[in-house]
């Protein structure tokens, strides 16, 4: 997630109130969508937040962040992750290109 400085909860009163309210509801919203937060980091002072979630599918994560309202002041990018060891276990199932 990223946002511009003028809408950052550190400088924008409306964003701050919305962020505080939303963060207080994240546990309940996460449980509703069967999503577990693994980590949440803020890269100072870049207005960048990286979160890692565990879920049955990517749609559950999307639905959770939408219900939490994170898109109101953030640009969101949601990507599925695969552990490198799991990826390498299946690497020979794919044909090579070169």
C-alpha atoms as a PDB file:
ATOM      1  CA  UNK A   1       0.000   0.000   0.000  1.00  0.00           C
ATOM      2  CA  UNK A   2       1.188   3.481  -0.777  1.00  0.00           C
ATOM      3  CA  UNK A   3      -0.317   6.920  -0.384  1.00  0.00           C
ATOM      4  CA  UNK A   4       0.652  10.526  -0.972  1.00  0.00           C
ATOM      5  CA  UNK A   5       1.892  12.655   1.937  1.00  0.00           C
ATOM      6  CA  UNK A   6      -1.155  14.954   1.853  1.00  0.00           C
ATOM      7  CA  UNK A   7      -3.526  12.039   2.543  1.00  0.00           C
ATOM      8  CA  UNK A   8      -1.231  10.257   5.015  1.00  0.00           C
ATOM      9  CA  UNK A   9      -2.836   9.584   8.413  1.00  0.00           C
ATOM     10  CA  UNK A  10       0.154  11.393   9.955  1.00  0.00           C
ATOM     11  CA  UNK A  11      -0.827  14.669   8.260  1.00  0.00           C
ATOM     12  CA  UNK A  12      -4.495  14.337   7.292  1.00  0.00           C
ATOM     13  CA  UNK A  13      -7.108  14.431  10.067  1.00  0.00           C
ATOM     14  CA  UNK A  14      -9.837  12.603   8.115  1.00  0.00           C
ATOM     15  CA  UNK A  15      -7.419   9.871   7.025  1.00  0.00           C
ATOM     16  CA  UNK A  16      -6.149   9.535  10.597  1.00  0.00           C
ATOM     17  CA  UNK A  17      -9.627   8.972  12.011  1.00  0.00           C
ATOM     18  CA  UNK A  18     -10.512   6.537   9.244  1.00  0.00           C
ATOM     19  CA  UNK A  19      -7.210   4.633   9.712  1.00  0.00           C
ATOM     20  CA  UNK A  20      -7.632   4.393  13.489  1.00  0.00           C
ATOM     21  CA  UNK A  21     -11.205   3.142  13.111  1.00  0.00           C
ATOM     22  CA  UNK A  22     -10.261   0.662  10.390  1.00  0.00           C
ATOM     23  CA  UNK A  23      -7.242  -0.695  12.246  1.00  0.00           C
ATOM     24  CA  UNK A  24      -9.444  -1.288  15.281  1.00  0.00           C
ATOM     25  CA  UNK A  25     -11.775  -3.408  13.149  1.00  0.00           C
ATOM     26  CA  UNK A  26      -9.116  -5.374  11.253  1.00  0.00           C
ATOM     27  CA  UNK A  27      -9.204  -8.411  13.553  1.00  0.00           C
ATOM     28  CA  UNK A  28     -12.948  -8.858  13.109  1.00  0.00           C
ATOM     29  CA  UNK A  29     -12.853  -8.155   9.364  1.00  0.00           C
ATOM     30  CA  UNK A  30      -9.918 -10.546   8.894  1.00  0.00           C
ATOM     31  CA  UNK A  31     -11.730 -13.321  10.751  1.00  0.00           C
ATOM     32  CA  UNK A  32     -14.891 -12.724   8.726  1.00  0.00           C
ATOM     33  CA  UNK A  33     -12.922 -13.331   5.511  1.00  0.00           C
ATOM     34  CA  UNK A  34     -10.784 -16.135   6.988  1.00  0.00           C
ATOM     35  CA  UNK A  35      -7.580 -14.138   6.497  1.00  0.00           C
ATOM     36  CA  UNK A  36      -4.648 -14.127   8.911  1.00  0.00           C
ATOM     37  CA  UNK A  37      -2.116 -11.302   8.956  1.00  0.00           C
ATOM     38  CA  UNK A  38       1.429 -12.674   9.036  1.00  0.00           C
ATOM     39  CA  UNK A  39       3.204  -9.316   9.130  1.00  0.00           C
ATOM     40  CA  UNK A  40       2.632  -5.598   8.667  1.00  0.00           C
ATOM     41  CA  UNK A  41       5.526  -3.193   8.097  1.00  0.00           C
ATOM     42  CA  UNK A  42       5.719   0.534   7.406  1.00  0.00           C
ATOM     43  CA  UNK A  43       8.755   1.716   5.473  1.00  0.00           C
ATOM     44  CA  UNK A  44       9.686   5.056   7.028  1.00  0.00           C
ATOM     45  CA  UNK A  45       9.280   7.730   5.719  1.00  0.00           C
ATOM     46  CA  UNK A  46       8.201   6.448   2.305  1.00  0.00           C
ATOM     47  CA  UNK A  47       4.433   6.146   2.854  1.00  0.00           C
ATOM     48  CA  UNK A  48       4.735   2.462   1.968  1.00  0.00           C
ATOM     49  CA  UNK A  49       3.180  -0.425   3.898  1.00  0.00           C
ATOM     50  CA  UNK A  50       3.907  -4.071   3.148  1.00  0.00           C
ATOM     51  CA  UNK A  51       1.615  -6.713   4.622  1.00  0.00           C
ATOM     52  CA  UNK A  52       1.701 -10.486   4.298  1.00  0.00           C
ATOM     53  CA  UNK A  53      -1.558 -12.383   4.733  1.00  0.00           C
ATOM     54  CA  UNK A  54      -2.418 -16.061   4.751  1.00  0.00           C
ATOM     55  CA  UNK A  55      -5.735 -16.962   3.132  1.00  0.00           C
ATOM     56  CA  UNK A  56      -7.497 -19.666   1.152  1.00  0.00           C
ATOM     57  CA  UNK A  57      -7.463 -17.448  -1.940  1.00  0.00           C
ATOM     58  CA  UNK A  58      -6.497 -13.985  -3.143  1.00  0.00           C
ATOM     59  CA  UNK A  59     -10.149 -12.925  -3.379  1.00  0.00           C
ATOM     60  CA  UNK A  60     -10.519 -13.253   0.388  1.00  0.00           C
ATOM     61  CA  UNK A  61      -7.654 -10.805   0.889  1.00  0.00           C
ATOM     62  CA  UNK A  62      -9.172  -8.417  -1.671  1.00  0.00           C
ATOM     63  CA  UNK A  63     -12.569  -8.567   0.018  1.00  0.00           C
ATOM     64  CA  UNK A  64     -10.985  -7.954   3.426  1.00  0.00           C
ATOM     65  CA  UNK A  65      -9.048  -4.841   2.368  1.00  0.00           C
ATOM     66  CA  UNK A  66     -12.092  -3.505   0.516  1.00  0.00           C
ATOM     67  CA  UNK A  67     -14.337  -3.947   3.559  1.00  0.00           C
ATOM     68  CA  UNK A  68     -11.691  -2.324   5.753  1.00  0.00           C
ATOM     69  CA  UNK A  69     -11.762   0.680   3.412  1.00  0.00           C
ATOM     70  CA  UNK A  70      -8.021   0.714   2.806  1.00  0.00           C
ATOM     71  CA  UNK A  71      -8.544   1.841  -0.787  1.00  0.00           C
ATOM     72  CA  UNK A  72      -9.895   5.208   0.403  1.00  0.00           C
ATOM     73  CA  UNK A  73      -6.414   6.599   1.043  1.00  0.00           C
ATOM     74  CA  UNK A  74      -4.075   3.939  -0.345  1.00  0.00           C
ATOM     75  CA  UNK A  75      -3.037   2.563  -3.681  1.00  0.00           C
ATOM     76  CA  UNK A  76      -3.285  -1.179  -3.168  1.00  0.00           C
ATOM     77  CA  UNK A  77      -1.376  -3.935  -4.900  1.00  0.00           C
ATOM     78  CA  UNK A  78      -2.347  -7.491  -3.960  1.00  0.00           C
ATOM     79  CA  UNK A  79      -0.120 -10.324  -5.151  1.00  0.00           C
ATOM     80  CA  UNK A  80      -0.151 -14.046  -4.373  1.00  0.00           C
ATOM     81  CA  UNK A  81       3.134 -15.406  -2.989  1.00  0.00           C
ATOM     82  CA  UNK A  82       4.757 -18.815  -3.257  1.00  0.00           C
ATOM     83  CA  UNK A  83       7.595 -19.907  -1.021  1.00  0.00           C
ATOM     84  CA  UNK A  84      10.777 -20.359  -3.066  1.00  0.00           C
ATOM     85  CA  UNK A  85      11.267 -23.955  -1.909  1.00  0.00           C
ATOM     86  CA  UNK A  86       7.741 -24.874  -3.042  1.00  0.00           C
ATOM     87  CA  UNK A  87       8.332 -23.200  -6.386  1.00  0.00           C
ATOM     88  CA  UNK A  88      11.590 -25.046  -6.927  1.00  0.00           C
ATOM     89  CA  UNK A  89       9.949 -28.366  -6.080  1.00  0.00           C
ATOM     90  CA  UNK A  90       7.759 -27.988  -9.185  1.00  0.00           C
ATOM     91  CA  UNK A  91      10.254 -26.248 -11.470  1.00  0.00           C
ATOM     92  CA  UNK A  92      10.914 -29.338 -13.594  1.00  0.00           C
ATOM     93  CA  UNK A  93       7.214 -29.666 -14.419  1.00  0.00           C
ATOM     94  CA  UNK A  94       7.509 -26.609 -16.656  1.00  0.00           C
ATOM     95  CA  UNK A  95       9.160 -26.672 -20.083  1.00  0.00           C
ATOM     96  CA  UNK A  96      12.159 -24.432 -20.620  1.00  0.00           C
ATOM     97  CA  UNK A  97      12.035 -21.664 -23.201  1.00  0.00           C
ATOM     98  CA  UNK A  98      15.725 -21.412 -24.065  1.00  0.00           C
END
